[in-house]
Amino acid sequence: MGRVSDAKTRLMEAVRELIWTGSFGSTTIDQICEKSGVKKGSFYYFF
C-alpha cells in the first residue's frame, strides 16, 4: 500500500514545483507525470 501513497506524493510535489516555477495555466499533465516519474494512467487514477 505504500507504493500508492508514494506515487501520489510524488505527483503532488511535482505539481507544487511546476506551478511555483511556472504558472497554473501553463502546467500540463504530461509535465507533471514526467517530473514525478508516474504514468499518466496513475495520474487519472488519483485525480
PDB file of N, CA and C in Angstrom:
ATOM      1  N   MET A   1       0.819  -1.184   0.000  1.00  0.00           N
ATOM      2  CA  MET A   1       0.000   0.000   0.000  1.00  0.00           C
ATOM      3  C   MET A   1       0.867   1.255   0.000  1.00  0.00           C
ATOM      4  N   GLY A   2       2.103   1.187   0.446  1.00  0.00           N
ATOM      5  CA  GLY A   2       2.992   2.328   0.490  1.00  0.00           C
ATOM      6  C   GLY A   2       3.333   2.880  -0.880  1.00  0.00           C
ATOM      7  N   ARG A   3       3.394   2.022  -1.888  1.00  0.00           N
ATOM      8  CA  ARG A   3       3.721   2.479  -3.237  1.00  0.00           C
ATOM      9  C   ARG A   3       2.700   3.476  -3.753  1.00  0.00           C
ATOM     10  N   VAL A   4       1.436   3.224  -3.501  1.00  0.00           N
ATOM     11  CA  VAL A   4       0.387   4.120  -3.972  1.00  0.00           C
ATOM     12  C   VAL A   4       0.567   5.496  -3.353  1.00  0.00           C
ATOM     13  N   SER A   5       0.802   5.537  -2.069  1.00  0.00           N
ATOM     14  CA  SER A   5       1.000   6.805  -1.383  1.00  0.00           C
ATOM     15  C   SER A   5       2.219   7.524  -1.933  1.00  0.00           C
ATOM     16  N   ASP A   6       3.283   6.776  -2.228  1.00  0.00           N
ATOM     17  CA  ASP A   6       4.491   7.383  -2.766  1.00  0.00           C
ATOM     18  C   ASP A   6       4.223   8.028  -4.122  1.00  0.00           C
ATOM     19  N   ALA A   7       3.470   7.370  -4.967  1.00  0.00           N
ATOM     20  CA  ALA A   7       3.168   7.909  -6.292  1.00  0.00           C
ATOM     21  C   ALA A   7       2.346   9.185  -6.170  1.00  0.00           C
ATOM     22  N   LYS A   8       1.360   9.170  -5.320  1.00  0.00           N
ATOM     23  CA  LYS A   8       0.525  10.360  -5.145  1.00  0.00           C
ATOM     24  C   LYS A   8       1.338  11.502  -4.548  1.00  0.00           C
ATOM     25  N   THR A   9       2.213  11.185  -3.619  1.00  0.00           N
ATOM     26  CA  THR A   9       3.076  12.204  -3.020  1.00  0.00           C
ATOM     27  C   THR A   9       4.001  12.804  -4.068  1.00  0.00           C
ATOM     28  N   ARG A  10       4.586  11.963  -4.908  1.00  0.00           N
ATOM     29  CA  ARG A  10       5.471  12.464  -5.970  1.00  0.00           C
ATOM     30  C   ARG A  10       4.709  13.354  -6.946  1.00  0.00           C
ATOM     31  N   LEU A  11       3.471  12.966  -7.272  1.00  0.00           N
ATOM     32  CA  LEU A  11       2.649  13.795  -8.152  1.00  0.00           C
ATOM     33  C   LEU A  11       2.392  15.163  -7.530  1.00  0.00           C
ATOM     34  N   MET A  12       2.020  15.179  -6.271  1.00  0.00           N
ATOM     35  CA  MET A  12       1.722  16.446  -5.596  1.00  0.00           C
ATOM     36  C   MET A  12       2.957  17.334  -5.500  1.00  0.00           C
ATOM     37  N   GLU A  13       4.109  16.742  -5.233  1.00  0.00           N
ATOM     38  CA  GLU A  13       5.350  17.521  -5.161  1.00  0.00           C
ATOM     39  C   GLU A  13       5.699  18.105  -6.528  1.00  0.00           C
ATOM     40  N   ALA A  14       5.489  17.329  -7.580  1.00  0.00           N
ATOM     41  CA  ALA A  14       5.767  17.809  -8.936  1.00  0.00           C
ATOM     42  C   ALA A  14       4.841  18.966  -9.296  1.00  0.00           C
ATOM     43  N   VAL A  15       3.566  18.834  -8.953  1.00  0.00           N
ATOM     44  CA  VAL A  15       2.600  19.908  -9.229  1.00  0.00           C
ATOM     45  C   VAL A  15       3.021  21.189  -8.519  1.00  0.00           C
ATOM     46  N   ARG A  16       3.339  21.064  -7.257  1.00  0.00           N
ATOM     47  CA  ARG A  16       3.728  22.241  -6.469  1.00  0.00           C
ATOM     48  C   ARG A  16       4.944  22.932  -7.086  1.00  0.00           C
ATOM     49  N   GLU A  17       5.942  22.145  -7.453  1.00  0.00           N
ATOM     50  CA  GLU A  17       7.163  22.722  -8.015  1.00  0.00           C
ATOM     51  C   GLU A  17       6.913  23.358  -9.386  1.00  0.00           C
ATOM     52  N   LEU A  18       6.149  22.681 -10.242  1.00  0.00           N
ATOM     53  CA  LEU A  18       5.880  23.216 -11.578  1.00  0.00           C
ATOM     54  C   LEU A  18       5.058  24.500 -11.520  1.00  0.00           C
ATOM     55  N   ILE A  19       4.074  24.543 -10.651  1.00  0.00           N
ATOM     56  CA  ILE A  19       3.261  25.754 -10.529  1.00  0.00           C
ATOM     57  C   ILE A  19       4.079  26.883  -9.914  1.00  0.00           C
ATOM     58  N   TRP A  20       4.928  26.551  -8.963  1.00  0.00           N
ATOM     59  CA  TRP A  20       5.758  27.568  -8.313  1.00  0.00           C
ATOM     60  C   TRP A  20       6.737  28.196  -9.305  1.00  0.00           C
ATOM     61  N   THR A  21       7.340  27.375 -10.179  1.00  0.00           N
ATOM     62  CA  THR A  21       8.334  27.890 -11.117  1.00  0.00           C
ATOM     63  C   THR A  21       7.707  28.424 -12.403  1.00  0.00           C
ATOM     64  N   GLY A  22       6.508  27.995 -12.723  1.00  0.00           N
ATOM     65  CA  GLY A  22       5.832  28.452 -13.936  1.00  0.00           C
ATOM     66  C   GLY A  22       4.546  29.151 -13.564  1.00  0.00           C
ATOM     67  N   SER A  23       3.452  28.581 -14.003  1.00  0.00           N
ATOM     68  CA  SER A  23       2.142  29.099 -13.626  1.00  0.00           C
ATOM     69  C   SER A  23       1.125  27.961 -13.695  1.00  0.00           C
ATOM     70  N   PHE A  24       0.002  28.184 -13.068  1.00  0.00           N
ATOM     71  CA  PHE A  24      -1.049  27.169 -13.046  1.00  0.00           C
ATOM     72  C   PHE A  24      -1.533  26.867 -14.462  1.00  0.00           C
ATOM     73  N   GLY A  25      -1.758  27.914 -15.237  1.00  0.00           N
ATOM     74  CA  GLY A  25      -2.307  27.760 -16.582  1.00  0.00           C
ATOM     75  C   GLY A  25      -1.374  27.091 -17.574  1.00  0.00           C
ATOM     76  N   SER A  26      -0.078  27.176 -17.325  1.00  0.00           N
ATOM     77  CA  SER A  26       0.869  26.601 -18.281  1.00  0.00           C
ATOM     78  C   SER A  26       1.345  25.202 -17.898  1.00  0.00           C
ATOM     79  N   THR A  27       0.922  24.699 -16.751  1.00  0.00           N
ATOM     80  CA  THR A  27       1.336  23.371 -16.291  1.00  0.00           C
ATOM     81  C   THR A  27       0.447  22.304 -16.934  1.00  0.00           C
ATOM     82  N   THR A  28       1.078  21.300 -17.544  1.00  0.00           N
ATOM     83  CA  THR A  28       0.320  20.241 -18.214  1.00  0.00           C
ATOM     84  C   THR A  28       0.448  18.917 -17.455  1.00  0.00           C
ATOM     85  N   ILE A  29      -0.475  18.024 -17.733  1.00  0.00           N
ATOM     86  CA  ILE A  29      -0.438  16.698 -17.121  1.00  0.00           C
ATOM     87  C   ILE A  29       0.827  15.961 -17.547  1.00  0.00           C
ATOM     88  N   ASP A  30       1.213  16.121 -18.800  1.00  0.00           N
ATOM     89  CA  ASP A  30       2.439  15.472 -19.273  1.00  0.00           C
ATOM     90  C   ASP A  30       3.661  15.946 -18.487  1.00  0.00           C
ATOM     91  N   GLN A  31       3.740  17.241 -18.210  1.00  0.00           N
ATOM     92  CA  GLN A  31       4.855  17.774 -17.424  1.00  0.00           C
ATOM     93  C   GLN A  31       4.856  17.186 -16.021  1.00  0.00           C
ATOM     94  N   ILE A  32       3.681  17.122 -15.421  1.00  0.00           N
ATOM     95  CA  ILE A  32       3.556  16.596 -14.058  1.00  0.00           C
ATOM     96  C   ILE A  32       4.012  15.140 -14.018  1.00  0.00           C
ATOM     97  N   CYS A  33       3.536  14.342 -14.960  1.00  0.00           N
ATOM     98  CA  CYS A  33       3.889  12.920 -14.992  1.00  0.00           C
ATOM     99  C   CYS A  33       5.375  12.719 -15.260  1.00  0.00           C
ATOM    100  N   GLU A  34       5.929  13.510 -16.166  1.00  0.00           N
ATOM    101  CA  GLU A  34       7.353  13.386 -16.479  1.00  0.00           C
ATOM    102  C   GLU A  34       8.207  13.741 -15.263  1.00  0.00           C
ATOM    103  N   LYS A  35       7.873  14.839 -14.602  1.00  0.00           N
ATOM    104  CA  LYS A  35       8.660  15.295 -13.454  1.00  0.00           C
ATOM    105  C   LYS A  35       8.558  14.325 -12.280  1.00  0.00           C
ATOM    106  N   SER A  36       7.381  13.744 -12.072  1.00  0.00           N
ATOM    107  CA  SER A  36       7.180  12.857 -10.926  1.00  0.00           C
ATOM    108  C   SER A  36       7.592  11.416 -11.211  1.00  0.00           C
ATOM    109  N   GLY A  37       7.711  11.055 -12.493  1.00  0.00           N
ATOM    110  CA  GLY A  37       8.042   9.683 -12.846  1.00  0.00           C
ATOM    111  C   GLY A  37       6.870   8.732 -12.682  1.00  0.00           C
ATOM    112  N   VAL A  38       5.661   9.280 -12.761  1.00  0.00           N
ATOM    113  CA  VAL A  38       4.435   8.493 -12.601  1.00  0.00           C
ATOM    114  C   VAL A  38       3.725   8.453 -13.951  1.00  0.00           C
ATOM    115  N   LYS A  39       3.181   7.294 -14.292  1.00  0.00           N
ATOM    116  CA  LYS A  39       2.482   7.146 -15.571  1.00  0.00           C
ATOM    117  C   LYS A  39       1.178   7.941 -15.567  1.00  0.00           C
ATOM    118  N   LYS A  40       0.772   8.357 -16.773  1.00  0.00           N
ATOM    119  CA  LYS A  40      -0.423   9.182 -16.909  1.00  0.00           C
ATOM    120  C   LYS A  40      -1.677   8.469 -16.391  1.00  0.00           C
ATOM    121  N   GLY A  41      -1.757   7.166 -16.578  1.00  0.00           N
ATOM    122  CA  GLY A  41      -2.903   6.414 -16.069  1.00  0.00           C
ATOM    123  C   GLY A  41      -3.018   6.504 -14.558  1.00  0.00           C
ATOM    124  N   SER A  42      -1.891   6.503 -13.880  1.00  0.00           N
ATOM    125  CA  SER A  42      -1.896   6.642 -12.421  1.00  0.00           C
ATOM    126  C   SER A  42      -2.349   8.035 -12.018  1.00  0.00           C
ATOM    127  N   PHE A  43      -1.961   9.039 -12.800  1.00  0.00           N
ATOM    128  CA  PHE A  43      -2.427  10.401 -12.525  1.00  0.00           C
ATOM    129  C   PHE A  43      -3.950  10.432 -12.538  1.00  0.00           C
ATOM    130  N   TYR A  44      -4.547   9.868 -13.575  1.00  0.00           N
ATOM    131  CA  TYR A  44      -6.005   9.867 -13.680  1.00  0.00           C
ATOM    132  C   TYR A  44      -6.649   9.004 -12.596  1.00  0.00           C
ATOM    133  N   TYR A  45      -5.968   7.973 -12.159  1.00  0.00           N
ATOM    134  CA  TYR A  45      -6.488   7.137 -11.075  1.00  0.00           C
ATOM    135  C   TYR A  45      -6.643   7.963  -9.795  1.00  0.00           C
ATOM    136  N   PHE A  46      -5.634   8.765  -9.484  1.00  0.00           N
ATOM    137  CA  PHE A  46      -5.661   9.551  -8.253  1.00  0.00           C
ATOM    138  C   PHE A  46      -6.524  10.800  -8.362  1.00  0.00           C
ATOM    139  N   PHE A  47      -6.591  11.389  -9.564  1.00  0.00           N
ATOM    140  CA  PHE A  47      -7.289  12.665  -9.700  1.00  0.00           C
ATOM    141  C   PHE A  47      -8.358  12.610 -10.763  1.00  0.00           C
TER     142      PHE A  47
END
